[in-house]
Amino acid sequence: MNSYRQTLYSGIIRVAANAIMVAAVFVGMYQSARSAGASELVFCAWFFGITVPAWAGAFWLTRLVRRKYPAEFQSLVELPRLGQRLVSWHVGDAAANLALVRR
């Protein structure tokens, strides 16, 4: 169930960030048309001023979602000198030719 939630919430975050980016294009174009300065400079200032924080927030929210809803075979573990990290793990298959050693 957590894999589904992680995928759903991450997808919603990406769609919202892309919608904000499209809106930033329109805001940048509108502001550059209204300004008396250089159009490209005004557009870049508005576009990147909106887009960079939006994507930084999207990456931060995605990281929170991954920690809150870890996918299948993922765990939050404490690693030496690295702190808490989200790691993926897989359980190996049992050996087919398992032989018991007798003494």
C-alpha atoms as a PDB file:
ATOM      1  CA  MET A   1       0.000   0.000   0.000  1.00  0.00           C
ATOM      2  CA  ASN A   2       2.883   2.368   0.734  1.00  0.00           C
ATOM      3  CA  SER A   3       4.289   1.920  -2.770  1.00  0.00           C
ATOM      4  CA  TYR A   4       0.953   3.052  -4.191  1.00  0.00           C
ATOM      5  CA  ARG A   5       0.796   6.097  -1.928  1.00  0.00           C
ATOM      6  CA  GLN A   6       4.402   7.020  -2.643  1.00  0.00           C
ATOM      7  CA  THR A   7       3.809   6.818  -6.395  1.00  0.00           C
ATOM      8  CA  LEU A   8       0.524   8.726  -6.189  1.00  0.00           C
ATOM      9  CA  TYR A   9       1.821  11.554  -4.012  1.00  0.00           C
ATOM     10  CA  SER A  10       5.073  11.860  -5.978  1.00  0.00           C
ATOM     11  CA  GLY A  11       3.074  12.078  -9.197  1.00  0.00           C
ATOM     12  CA  ILE A  12       0.816  14.769  -7.755  1.00  0.00           C
ATOM     13  CA  ILE A  13       3.870  16.756  -6.653  1.00  0.00           C
ATOM     14  CA  ARG A  14       5.435  16.515 -10.135  1.00  0.00           C
ATOM     15  CA  VAL A  15       2.203  17.548 -11.875  1.00  0.00           C
ATOM     16  CA  ALA A  16       1.814  20.524  -9.521  1.00  0.00           C
ATOM     17  CA  ALA A  17       5.436  21.595 -10.084  1.00  0.00           C
ATOM     18  CA  ASN A  18       4.956  21.389 -13.851  1.00  0.00           C
ATOM     19  CA  ALA A  19       1.747  23.448 -13.611  1.00  0.00           C
ATOM     20  CA  ILE A  20       3.616  26.071 -11.586  1.00  0.00           C
ATOM     21  CA  MET A  21       6.340  26.086 -14.239  1.00  0.00           C
ATOM     22  CA  VAL A  22       3.797  26.703 -17.024  1.00  0.00           C
ATOM     23  CA  ALA A  23       2.248  29.485 -14.941  1.00  0.00           C
ATOM     24  CA  ALA A  24       5.742  30.945 -14.463  1.00  0.00           C
ATOM     25  CA  VAL A  25       6.112  31.179 -18.253  1.00  0.00           C
ATOM     26  CA  PHE A  26       2.890  33.190 -18.494  1.00  0.00           C
ATOM     27  CA  VAL A  27       3.790  35.416 -15.543  1.00  0.00           C
ATOM     28  CA  GLY A  28       7.257  36.031 -16.974  1.00  0.00           C
ATOM     29  CA  MET A  29       5.855  36.927 -20.384  1.00  0.00           C
ATOM     30  CA  TYR A  30       3.233  39.228 -18.877  1.00  0.00           C
ATOM     31  CA  GLN A  31       5.734  41.014 -16.651  1.00  0.00           C
ATOM     32  CA  SER A  32       8.264  41.395 -19.477  1.00  0.00           C
ATOM     33  CA  ALA A  33       5.576  42.964 -21.701  1.00  0.00           C
ATOM     34  CA  ARG A  34       4.658  45.464 -18.973  1.00  0.00           C
ATOM     35  CA  SER A  35       8.188  46.470 -18.056  1.00  0.00           C
ATOM     36  CA  ALA A  36      10.203  49.218 -19.698  1.00  0.00           C
ATOM     37  CA  GLY A  37      13.478  47.317 -19.198  1.00  0.00           C
ATOM     38  CA  ALA A  38      15.017  44.544 -21.253  1.00  0.00           C
ATOM     39  CA  SER A  39      12.340  41.942 -21.913  1.00  0.00           C
ATOM     40  CA  GLU A  40      14.641  38.919 -21.739  1.00  0.00           C
ATOM     41  CA  LEU A  41      16.125  40.002 -18.428  1.00  0.00           C
ATOM     42  CA  VAL A  42      12.711  40.601 -16.853  1.00  0.00           C
ATOM     43  CA  PHE A  43      11.370  37.301 -18.201  1.00  0.00           C
ATOM     44  CA  CYS A  44      14.365  35.338 -16.886  1.00  0.00           C
ATOM     45  CA  ALA A  45      14.141  37.018 -13.488  1.00  0.00           C
ATOM     46  CA  TRP A  46      10.447  36.163 -13.110  1.00  0.00           C
ATOM     47  CA  PHE A  47      10.638  32.696 -14.666  1.00  0.00           C
ATOM     48  CA  PHE A  48      13.636  31.457 -12.707  1.00  0.00           C
ATOM     49  CA  GLY A  49      12.504  33.317  -9.592  1.00  0.00           C
ATOM     50  CA  ILE A  50       9.352  31.191  -9.590  1.00  0.00           C
ATOM     51  CA  THR A  51      10.615  27.942 -11.125  1.00  0.00           C
ATOM     52  CA  VAL A  52      13.747  27.306  -9.061  1.00  0.00           C
ATOM     53  CA  PRO A  53      11.987  27.553  -5.659  1.00  0.00           C
ATOM     54  CA  ALA A  54       9.048  25.523  -7.008  1.00  0.00           C
ATOM     55  CA  TRP A  55      11.281  22.628  -8.086  1.00  0.00           C
ATOM     56  CA  ALA A  56      13.345  22.849  -4.892  1.00  0.00           C
ATOM     57  CA  GLY A  57      10.102  22.541  -2.936  1.00  0.00           C
ATOM     58  CA  ALA A  58       8.988  19.643  -5.132  1.00  0.00           C
ATOM     59  CA  PHE A  59      12.220  17.733  -4.494  1.00  0.00           C
ATOM     60  CA  TRP A  60      11.932  18.419  -0.754  1.00  0.00           C
ATOM     61  CA  LEU A  61       8.292  17.246  -0.667  1.00  0.00           C
ATOM     62  CA  THR A  62       9.166  14.130  -2.676  1.00  0.00           C
ATOM     63  CA  ARG A  63      11.886  13.322  -0.163  1.00  0.00           C
ATOM     64  CA  LEU A  64       9.369  13.695   2.685  1.00  0.00           C
ATOM     65  CA  VAL A  65       6.895  11.423   0.894  1.00  0.00           C
ATOM     66  CA  ARG A  66       9.588   8.767   0.400  1.00  0.00           C
ATOM     67  CA  ARG A  67      10.416   8.837   4.099  1.00  0.00           C
ATOM     68  CA  LYS A  68       6.776   8.838   5.228  1.00  0.00           C
ATOM     69  CA  TYR A  69       5.642   6.100   2.823  1.00  0.00           C
ATOM     70  CA  PRO A  70       8.643   3.869   2.025  1.00  0.00           C
ATOM     71  CA  ALA A  71       8.097   1.572  -0.931  1.00  0.00           C
ATOM     72  CA  GLU A  72       8.279  -2.184  -0.765  1.00  0.00           C
ATOM     73  CA  PHE A  73      11.763  -3.362   0.241  1.00  0.00           C
ATOM     74  CA  GLN A  74      12.783   0.079   1.542  1.00  0.00           C
ATOM     75  CA  SER A  75      13.644   0.995   5.124  1.00  0.00           C
ATOM     76  CA  LEU A  76      14.872   4.062   6.960  1.00  0.00           C
ATOM     77  CA  VAL A  77      18.077   2.988   8.724  1.00  0.00           C
ATOM     78  CA  GLU A  78      20.735   4.735  10.799  1.00  0.00           C
ATOM     79  CA  LEU A  79      24.095   4.469   9.035  1.00  0.00           C
ATOM     80  CA  PRO A  80      27.421   5.255  10.723  1.00  0.00           C
ATOM     81  CA  ARG A  81      28.654   8.779   9.889  1.00  0.00           C
ATOM     82  CA  LEU A  82      25.788   9.252   7.399  1.00  0.00           C
ATOM     83  CA  GLY A  83      22.747   9.519   9.659  1.00  0.00           C
ATOM     84  CA  GLN A  84      19.328   8.273   8.637  1.00  0.00           C
ATOM     85  CA  ARG A  85      19.130   7.045   5.048  1.00  0.00           C
ATOM     86  CA  LEU A  86      16.414   5.406   3.006  1.00  0.00           C
ATOM     87  CA  VAL A  87      17.852   2.149   1.679  1.00  0.00           C
ATOM     88  CA  SER A  88      16.509  -0.587  -0.575  1.00  0.00           C
ATOM     89  CA  TRP A  89      17.035  -4.181   0.348  1.00  0.00           C
ATOM     90  CA  HIS A  90      16.221  -7.526  -1.253  1.00  0.00           C
ATOM     91  CA  VAL A  91      16.052 -10.897   0.426  1.00  0.00           C
ATOM     92  CA  GLY A  92      17.972 -13.507  -1.504  1.00  0.00           C
ATOM     93  CA  ASP A  93      16.318 -16.743  -2.549  1.00  0.00           C
ATOM     94  CA  ALA A  94      17.028 -19.838  -0.518  1.00  0.00           C
ATOM     95  CA  ALA A  95      19.697 -21.980  -2.074  1.00  0.00           C
ATOM     96  CA  ALA A  96      18.185 -24.772  -4.153  1.00  0.00           C
ATOM     97  CA  ASN A  97      20.962 -27.230  -3.335  1.00  0.00           C
ATOM     98  CA  LEU A  98      21.118 -26.661   0.388  1.00  0.00           C
ATOM     99  CA  ALA A  99      23.203 -29.429   1.937  1.00  0.00           C
ATOM    100  CA  LEU A 100      23.540 -29.903   5.660  1.00  0.00           C
ATOM    101  CA  VAL A 101      27.031 -30.480   6.937  1.00  0.00           C
ATOM    102  CA  ARG A 102      27.326 -33.261   9.505  1.00  0.00           C
ATOM    103  CA  ARG A 103      30.335 -33.947  11.639  1.00  0.00           C
END
